[in-house]
């Protein structure tokens, strides 16, 4: 009769241990999810930033986004100095700030959805989030105004963010290296190994054996 209560107590203890482990795991995952959401929504200024220089090819105009003083359009020539963009990327997430290398002004979006150019890009209205599309293009949605995208019409003029959607060609861009500069991915060279190269390697004399 004394065996049954001890087994029952043992099973109860095991159940309590599993219960507390499950609660701790759920709490940890929830805290981590909140951490990611907060840092993705509001990237801090102390995070290490990556800086890249490239062009943004517009699918609509067939040319590149360029910043001319206080104006921005998508009529830039490949390799043009005003089409060179300095892209500051936050380490955490895909938040970026886009600045003209020549003009040193940032592309921003105001509360009316209008694309404007600012000398200071620290405000949230100058932050965009990269969305990588299935057609190999990239869309840039405002980090402050959800659902409003950076876009240009067929004449290369900025389009209001409130009139854009991710499916529109006006908001599709492709990152390109400036004309005359090699693509970083093309700088890597891969050697194709065939049966002939394998056989040549086996027959090649080893100087260390002599």
Protein backbone atom coordinates (compact mmCIF):
# COMPACT_ATOMS: atom_id res chain seq x y z
CA UNK A 1 0.00 0.00 0.00
CA UNK A 2 2.91 2.39 0.62
CA UNK A 3 4.30 1.97 -2.91
CA UNK A 4 1.38 3.64 -4.68
CA UNK A 5 1.56 7.01 -2.85
CA UNK A 6 5.31 7.28 -3.48
CA UNK A 7 4.85 6.67 -7.20
CA UNK A 8 2.02 9.15 -7.28
CA UNK A 9 4.16 11.80 -5.56
CA UNK A 10 7.02 11.10 -7.98
CA UNK A 11 4.74 11.54 -11.01
CA UNK A 12 3.36 14.77 -9.58
CA UNK A 13 6.86 16.13 -9.09
CA UNK A 14 7.81 15.22 -12.65
CA UNK A 15 4.70 16.96 -13.94
CA UNK A 16 5.51 20.11 -11.98
CA UNK A 17 9.07 20.18 -13.32
CA UNK A 18 7.84 19.86 -16.93
CA UNK A 19 5.21 22.53 -16.32
CA UNK A 20 7.72 25.09 -15.03
CA UNK A 21 10.16 24.31 -17.84
CA UNK A 22 7.42 24.90 -20.40
CA UNK A 23 6.42 28.18 -18.77
CA UNK A 24 10.03 29.39 -18.74
CA UNK A 25 10.51 28.43 -22.41
CA UNK A 26 7.34 30.28 -23.47
CA UNK A 27 8.35 33.35 -21.46
CA UNK A 28 11.84 33.35 -23.00
CA UNK A 29 10.52 33.06 -26.56
CA UNK A 30 7.97 35.79 -25.90
CA UNK A 31 10.62 38.11 -24.48
CA UNK A 32 12.89 37.43 -27.46
CA UNK A 33 10.05 38.13 -29.90
CA UNK A 34 9.29 41.44 -28.19
CA UNK A 35 13.02 42.28 -28.25
CA UNK A 36 13.16 41.69 -32.01
CA UNK A 37 10.00 43.72 -32.67
CA UNK A 38 11.20 46.67 -30.61
CA UNK A 39 14.66 46.77 -32.16
CA UNK A 40 13.34 46.30 -35.67
CA UNK A 41 10.79 49.06 -35.21
CA UNK A 42 13.18 51.49 -33.52
CA UNK A 43 16.81 50.74 -34.41
CA UNK A 44 19.09 52.38 -31.87
CA UNK A 45 21.78 54.88 -32.78
CA UNK A 46 24.44 52.96 -30.88
CA UNK A 47 24.25 49.89 -33.13
CA UNK A 48 27.10 49.37 -35.54
CA UNK A 49 26.11 50.56 -39.00
CA UNK A 50 27.20 49.25 -42.37
CA UNK A 51 27.79 51.68 -45.24
CA UNK A 52 27.55 50.61 -48.87
CA UNK A 53 27.70 52.54 -52.14
CA UNK A 54 25.60 51.42 -55.07
CA UNK A 55 22.93 52.52 -57.55
CA UNK A 56 19.20 51.88 -57.48
CA UNK A 57 17.94 50.82 -60.90
CA UNK A 58 14.29 51.73 -61.43
CA UNK A 59 12.18 49.10 -63.14
CA UNK A 60 9.80 51.77 -64.42
CA UNK A 61 12.22 54.19 -66.09
CA UNK A 62 15.09 51.85 -66.89
CA UNK A 63 17.42 54.38 -65.27
CA UNK A 64 18.71 55.09 -61.79
CA UNK A 65 17.57 57.02 -58.74
CA UNK A 66 19.56 60.23 -58.39
CA UNK A 67 19.59 63.07 -55.88
CA UNK A 68 20.08 66.51 -57.43
CA UNK A 69 20.46 69.01 -54.63
CA UNK A 70 17.03 69.15 -53.01
CA UNK A 71 15.31 67.07 -55.69
CA UNK A 72 15.21 63.36 -56.41
CA UNK A 73 14.14 61.46 -59.54
CA UNK A 74 14.72 58.15 -61.31
CA UNK A 75 16.36 59.50 -64.49
CA UNK A 76 20.01 59.07 -63.54
CA UNK A 77 22.53 57.60 -65.96
CA UNK A 78 24.53 54.51 -65.16
CA UNK A 79 27.72 55.69 -63.46
CA UNK A 80 26.50 59.28 -63.06
CA UNK A 81 27.86 60.98 -59.98
CA UNK A 82 24.39 61.96 -58.76
CA UNK A 83 23.22 58.34 -59.05
CA UNK A 84 25.81 57.13 -56.56
CA UNK A 85 23.98 56.44 -53.32
CA UNK A 86 25.46 55.96 -49.87
CA UNK A 87 23.25 53.42 -48.11
CA UNK A 88 23.56 53.27 -44.33
CA UNK A 89 22.29 49.94 -43.05
CA UNK A 90 21.36 49.22 -39.46
CA UNK A 91 22.96 46.06 -38.11
CA UNK A 92 19.68 44.83 -36.67
CA UNK A 93 17.06 44.34 -39.38
CA UNK A 94 16.84 45.77 -42.90
CA UNK A 95 16.42 49.44 -42.00
CA UNK A 96 18.38 51.74 -44.29
CA UNK A 97 18.98 55.42 -44.89
CA UNK A 98 19.72 56.53 -48.46
CA UNK A 99 22.00 59.51 -49.05
CA UNK A 100 23.33 61.01 -52.28
CA UNK A 101 27.11 60.69 -52.40
CA UNK A 102 27.45 64.00 -54.24
CA UNK A 103 24.65 66.03 -52.61
CA UNK A 104 24.93 64.46 -49.12
CA UNK A 105 21.15 64.74 -48.75
CA UNK A 106 18.83 61.94 -47.65
CA UNK A 107 15.69 60.58 -49.30
CA UNK A 108 12.74 60.90 -46.88
CA UNK A 109 8.94 60.68 -46.88
CA UNK A 110 6.72 63.17 -45.06
CA UNK A 111 3.34 62.55 -43.42
CA UNK A 112 1.55 63.26 -46.72
CA UNK A 113 3.47 60.55 -48.53
CA UNK A 114 5.54 63.01 -50.52
CA UNK A 115 9.15 62.07 -51.28
CA UNK A 116 11.40 64.86 -50.03
CA UNK A 117 15.14 65.39 -49.59
CA UNK A 118 16.65 66.32 -46.21
CA UNK A 119 20.20 67.25 -45.17
CA UNK A 120 19.71 65.31 -41.91
CA UNK A 121 18.61 61.68 -42.16
CA UNK A 122 18.36 60.81 -38.49
CA UNK A 123 14.58 61.18 -38.32
CA UNK A 124 12.35 58.15 -38.69
CA UNK A 125 10.79 59.55 -41.88
CA UNK A 126 14.17 59.04 -43.59
CA UNK A 127 14.33 55.34 -42.75
CA UNK A 128 13.16 52.67 -45.20
CA UNK A 129 12.84 48.92 -44.83
CA UNK A 130 14.08 46.64 -47.59
CA UNK A 131 11.62 44.04 -48.86
CA UNK A 132 13.13 41.43 -51.15
CA UNK A 133 10.65 40.33 -53.81
CA UNK A 134 10.32 37.04 -55.68
CA UNK A 135 11.17 38.71 -59.01
CA UNK A 136 14.64 39.61 -57.67
CA UNK A 137 13.69 43.26 -57.25
CA UNK A 138 13.73 45.18 -53.97
CA UNK A 139 10.96 47.40 -52.59
CA UNK A 140 11.58 50.11 -50.00
CA UNK A 141 8.73 50.74 -47.58
CA UNK A 142 8.70 53.62 -45.13
CA UNK A 143 9.64 52.57 -41.60
CA UNK A 144 7.34 55.25 -40.18
CA UNK A 145 4.36 55.09 -42.53
CA UNK A 146 3.49 51.43 -42.98
CA UNK A 147 2.45 50.42 -46.47
CA UNK A 148 3.88 53.53 -48.14
CA UNK A 149 6.66 52.77 -50.60
CA UNK A 150 9.38 54.73 -52.34
CA UNK A 151 8.32 54.86 -55.99
CA UNK A 152 8.72 56.78 -59.25
CA UNK A 153 6.40 57.09 -62.24
CA UNK A 154 7.32 56.54 -65.90
CA UNK A 155 8.71 60.07 -66.16
CA UNK A 156 10.97 59.44 -63.19
CA UNK A 157 9.07 61.70 -60.83
CA UNK A 158 8.47 60.65 -57.21
CA UNK A 159 5.14 59.00 -56.53
CA UNK A 160 3.16 59.63 -53.35
CA UNK A 161 3.60 56.85 -50.86
CA UNK A 162 -0.13 56.77 -50.12
CA UNK A 163 -0.74 55.72 -53.74
CA UNK A 164 1.74 52.86 -53.83
CA UNK A 165 1.55 49.11 -53.26
CA UNK A 166 4.23 46.45 -53.28
CA UNK A 167 2.94 44.95 -56.55
CA UNK A 168 3.40 48.12 -58.58
CA UNK A 169 6.42 48.27 -60.88
CA UNK A 170 6.96 51.87 -59.77
CA UNK A 171 8.30 50.65 -56.41
CA UNK A 172 10.59 47.93 -57.78
CA UNK A 173 14.33 48.57 -57.72
CA UNK A 174 17.50 46.63 -58.32
CA UNK A 175 20.83 47.27 -56.63
CA UNK A 176 23.60 47.78 -59.16
CA UNK A 177 27.27 48.59 -59.03
CA UNK A 178 28.30 51.79 -60.85
CA UNK A 179 29.41 51.45 -64.44
CA UNK A 180 33.00 50.33 -64.66
CA UNK A 181 33.06 48.80 -61.19
CA UNK A 182 32.98 45.00 -60.91
CA UNK A 183 30.17 43.36 -59.02
CA UNK A 184 31.58 42.02 -55.71
CA UNK A 185 29.98 38.64 -56.43
CA UNK A 186 31.83 38.40 -59.75
CA UNK A 187 35.20 38.89 -58.10
CA UNK A 188 35.04 35.30 -56.81
CA UNK A 189 36.27 32.66 -59.24
CA UNK A 190 35.21 29.03 -58.98
CA UNK A 191 37.20 26.15 -60.51
CA UNK A 192 35.10 23.45 -62.11
CA UNK A 193 36.37 20.01 -61.16
CA UNK A 194 35.97 17.40 -63.90
CA UNK A 195 37.15 13.81 -64.34
CA UNK A 196 40.09 15.10 -66.39
CA UNK A 197 41.24 17.53 -63.68
CA UNK A 198 40.91 14.82 -61.02
CA UNK A 199 43.03 12.44 -63.13
CA UNK A 200 45.63 15.18 -63.76
CA UNK A 201 45.91 15.83 -60.06
CA UNK A 202 46.48 12.13 -59.33
CA UNK A 203 49.18 11.82 -62.01
CA UNK A 204 50.94 15.07 -61.04
CA UNK A 205 54.29 14.18 -59.40
CA UNK A 206 54.75 15.17 -55.79
CA UNK A 207 58.15 16.91 -55.34
CA UNK A 208 58.22 15.99 -51.66
CA UNK A 209 58.51 12.29 -52.45
CA UNK A 210 61.76 12.75 -54.50
